Protein backbone atom coordinates (compact mmCIF):
# COMPACT_ATOMS: atom_id res chain seq x y z
CA MET A 1 36.16 -2.82 137.42
CA LYS A 2 33.20 -4.00 135.39
CA LYS A 3 30.92 -1.83 137.52
CA ASN A 4 33.08 1.23 136.84
CA ILE A 5 33.05 0.59 133.09
CA LEU A 6 29.25 0.34 133.12
CA MET A 7 29.00 3.57 135.10
CA ILE A 8 31.31 5.39 132.65
CA GLY A 9 29.30 4.02 129.72
CA PHE A 10 26.05 5.20 131.31
CA LEU A 11 27.46 8.70 131.93
CA LEU A 12 28.72 8.93 128.34
CA LEU A 13 25.30 7.88 127.03
CA MET A 14 23.57 10.52 129.17
CA ALA A 15 26.03 13.17 127.95
CA VAL A 16 25.35 12.26 124.29
CA LEU A 17 21.58 12.39 124.83
CA PHE A 18 21.87 15.75 126.60
CA LEU A 19 23.97 17.28 123.82
CA LYS A 20 21.66 15.86 121.16
CA GLY A 21 18.70 17.57 122.80
CA THR A 22 20.53 20.86 123.31
CA LYS A 23 20.51 23.44 120.52
CA ILE A 24 23.66 25.55 120.47
CA GLN A 25 22.84 29.00 119.05
CA SER A 26 25.16 31.49 117.42
CA VAL A 27 25.04 35.11 118.60
CA ASP A 28 22.95 36.05 115.52
CA GLU A 29 20.51 33.19 116.13
CA TYR A 30 20.15 34.18 119.78
CA TYR A 31 19.33 37.79 118.95
CA LEU A 32 16.93 36.64 116.22
CA THR A 33 14.91 34.44 118.58
CA HIS A 34 15.10 36.96 121.43
CA MET A 35 14.64 40.19 119.47
CA GLU A 36 11.45 41.03 121.37
CA ASP A 37 12.61 39.84 124.82
CA ILE A 38 12.80 43.32 126.33
CA GLN A 39 14.45 43.61 129.73
CA GLU A 40 14.48 46.67 132.00
CA ASP A 41 18.04 47.55 131.01
CA SER A 42 17.65 46.66 127.31
CA GLU A 43 18.46 49.23 124.67
CA THR A 44 15.73 49.17 122.02
CA VAL A 45 14.68 50.57 118.66
CA THR A 46 11.41 50.42 116.74
CA ILE A 47 10.92 49.43 113.11
CA SER A 48 7.94 49.59 110.75
CA ILE A 49 7.50 48.75 107.04
CA ARG A 50 4.81 50.50 104.98
CA CYS A 51 3.73 50.79 101.36
CA ASP A 52 0.80 53.22 101.65
CA THR A 53 1.78 54.99 98.43
CA LEU A 54 0.90 51.92 96.37
CA ARG A 55 -2.73 52.17 97.49
CA GLU A 56 -3.10 55.53 95.74
CA SER A 57 -5.17 55.01 92.58
CA GLU A 58 -2.60 56.20 90.03
CA ASN A 59 0.22 54.21 91.64
CA TRP A 60 -2.00 51.13 91.89
CA LYS A 61 -2.55 51.30 88.12
CA ASN A 62 1.20 51.51 87.53
CA LEU A 63 2.00 48.65 89.91
CA LYS A 64 2.84 45.37 88.19
CA LYS A 65 -0.35 43.32 87.79
CA GLN A 66 0.93 40.27 89.65
CA LEU A 67 1.56 42.46 92.73
CA GLN A 68 -1.93 43.97 92.83
CA ASP A 69 -2.91 41.69 95.68
CA GLU A 70 -3.48 42.29 99.40
CA LYS A 71 -0.85 39.72 100.36
CA TYR A 72 1.78 42.00 98.79
CA VAL A 73 0.10 45.38 99.37
CA PRO A 74 -2.10 45.24 102.50
CA GLU A 75 -5.24 47.38 102.39
CA ASP A 76 -3.92 49.66 105.14
CA GLY A 77 -0.44 49.74 103.59
CA VAL A 78 1.18 48.18 106.66
CA ILE A 79 3.56 45.27 106.01
CA LEU A 80 5.01 45.43 109.53
CA LYS A 81 3.43 47.59 112.20
CA GLU A 82 5.74 49.52 114.52
CA THR A 83 7.62 46.85 116.46
CA THR A 84 10.11 47.20 119.31
CA CYS A 85 13.37 45.25 118.95
CA VAL A 86 16.38 44.73 121.18
CA LEU A 87 19.37 46.79 120.04
CA ARG A 88 22.82 45.29 120.31
CA LYS A 89 26.13 47.12 120.08
CA GLY A 90 27.04 48.14 116.54
CA ASP A 91 23.61 47.40 115.04
CA THR A 92 22.79 49.22 111.81
CA VAL A 93 19.44 49.91 110.16
CA PHE A 94 20.11 46.93 107.91
CA ASP A 95 20.81 44.58 110.84
CA ILE A 96 17.45 45.40 112.43
CA LEU A 97 15.58 45.12 109.11
CA LYS A 98 17.15 41.74 108.39
CA ARG A 99 16.33 40.34 111.84
CA ALA A 100 12.79 41.77 111.82
CA CYS A 101 12.05 40.29 108.38
CA ARG A 102 13.38 36.86 109.41
CA TYR A 103 11.51 36.93 112.73
CA HIS A 104 8.20 37.96 111.13
CA GLN A 105 8.78 35.83 108.00
CA ILE A 106 8.70 38.74 105.57
CA GLN A 107 10.49 38.22 102.25
CA MET A 108 13.48 40.53 101.76
CA GLU A 109 16.20 40.64 99.12
CA TYR A 110 19.31 42.79 99.00
CA ASN A 111 22.64 43.31 97.26
CA GLY A 112 25.82 43.28 99.32
CA PRO A 113 28.19 46.25 99.68
CA ASP A 114 30.64 44.73 97.19
CA THR A 115 28.11 45.05 94.35
CA ASN A 116 27.93 48.85 94.13
CA VAL A 117 30.15 51.94 94.19
CA TYR A 118 28.63 53.14 97.48
CA SER A 119 30.02 50.13 99.43
CA THR A 120 26.75 49.66 101.30
CA VAL A 121 23.87 47.17 101.27
CA MET A 122 21.15 48.05 98.75
CA ILE A 123 17.62 46.80 99.49
CA LYS A 124 16.15 45.31 96.32
CA GLY A 125 12.76 44.18 97.60
CA ILE A 126 10.60 43.65 100.68
CA ASN A 127 7.46 41.49 100.66
CA TYR A 128 8.06 40.97 96.90
CA LEU A 129 7.78 44.71 96.23
CA TYR A 130 10.95 45.60 94.34
CA GLU A 131 12.72 48.63 92.98
CA PHE A 132 10.90 49.61 89.76
CA SER A 133 7.82 47.51 90.64
CA CYS A 134 5.79 50.70 90.25
CA GLY A 135 7.72 52.67 87.65
CA ASP A 136 11.25 53.97 87.13
CA LEU A 137 11.22 56.15 90.27
CA SER A 138 9.97 53.50 92.71
CA GLY A 139 11.78 51.63 95.46
CA TRP A 140 12.44 51.37 99.20
CA MET A 141 13.72 54.19 101.41
CA TYR A 142 14.15 54.52 105.15
CA LYS A 143 13.81 57.21 107.79
CA VAL A 144 15.33 57.38 111.25
CA ASN A 145 13.50 59.59 113.73
CA GLY A 146 11.49 61.14 110.91
CA LYS A 147 14.44 62.08 108.69
CA PHE A 148 15.95 60.49 105.58
CA PRO A 149 19.68 60.09 106.38
CA GLY A 150 20.85 59.99 102.77
CA LYS A 151 23.22 57.05 103.37
CA GLY A 152 23.06 53.30 102.91
CA CYS A 153 21.17 51.28 105.51
CA SER A 154 24.24 49.22 106.45
CA SER A 155 26.21 52.42 107.09
CA TYR A 156 23.77 53.95 109.58
CA LYS A 157 24.58 52.86 113.15
CA LEU A 158 21.68 53.03 115.57
CA LYS A 159 21.36 54.27 119.12
CA ASP A 160 18.89 53.57 121.91
CA LYS A 161 15.26 54.58 121.16
CA ASP A 162 15.82 55.27 117.45
CA LYS A 163 12.70 54.95 115.29
CA ILE A 164 13.19 53.25 111.90
CA GLU A 165 10.56 53.56 109.16
CA TRP A 166 10.86 51.76 105.83
CA VAL A 167 8.60 53.30 103.20
CA TYR A 168 7.95 52.54 99.54
CA THR A 169 8.24 55.51 97.21
CA CYS A 170 6.83 55.80 93.70
CA ASP A 171 8.41 59.20 93.01
CA LEU A 172 12.05 59.10 94.15
CA GLY A 173 11.08 60.10 97.69
CA LYS A 174 8.86 63.12 96.97
CA ASP A 175 5.67 61.22 97.85
CA VAL A 176 7.05 60.12 101.23
CA GLY A 177 8.44 63.45 102.37
CA ASP A 178 12.03 63.35 101.13
CA ASP A 179 13.01 66.57 99.34
CA TYR A 180 16.64 65.57 98.78
CA GLN A 181 16.32 65.34 94.99
CA GLU A 182 14.47 68.64 94.85
CA LYS A 183 17.18 70.33 96.94
CA ALA A 184 19.91 68.78 94.80
CA GLN A 185 18.26 70.03 91.61
CA LYS A 186 17.82 73.51 93.13
CA GLN A 187 21.47 73.62 94.19
CA MET A 188 22.55 72.48 90.73
CA LYS A 189 20.43 75.22 89.14
CA GLN A 190 21.91 77.84 91.50
CA ARG A 191 25.40 76.58 90.73
CA LYS A 192 24.81 76.87 86.98
CA GLU A 193 23.46 80.41 87.40
CA TYR A 194 26.45 81.33 89.55
CA ASP A 195 28.89 79.92 86.97
CA LYS A 196 27.04 81.70 84.17
CA ASN A 197 27.14 85.05 86.01
CA LYS A 198 30.80 84.51 86.88
CA ASP A 199 31.68 83.88 83.23
CA HIS A 200 29.67 86.96 82.21
CA THR A 201 31.58 89.11 84.74
CA VAL A 202 34.92 87.83 83.45
CA GLU A 203 33.90 88.71 79.90
CA LYS A 204 32.97 92.26 80.96
CA GLU A 205 36.26 92.69 82.76
CA GLY A 206 38.04 91.48 79.65
CA GLU A 207 36.13 93.99 77.53
CA ALA A 208 37.05 96.82 79.91
CA GLU A 209 40.70 96.14 79.31
């Protein structure tokens, strides 16, 4: 009997020591620590983070003085070079950015979807470069496969082999290849002209009567 009790005690002690030395990971923690463990059948995406625009002389002058440092704005403009990450089901652009920043220890701050009318995550800053750090038209934007989607990063679901590029703009996207604002202004101008001509036609018809 005594021998059995000792044996049970020994087994319990071994079990406690085993559990103490075993780290139980959540799904998020697993994907964070294994984000670059690419297998043959893994679905993957790439992500890069750049701030080349801030190295342009005029933008550099407008950048807040405390950020005019290579640790915030690398000489080549690359905060994170193109990196391949494992894609899991349902991942959004935001999910990959968040994991990549944690994995590579890059500072990132954001507002949740409940803080704005668009119901999506808004990226405030990456590597201490924030919205308005270089003027009223500056901030972070993203491209997927070379195009600006025009939707929040937590609303864009990714697929295998997608290419994500985060870029810092100093001119509401114009300096990084996004012509959305220009198109919107052009459409607004055309709409105003159309409405003006329509009103003019109505007036003429009224005069004819």
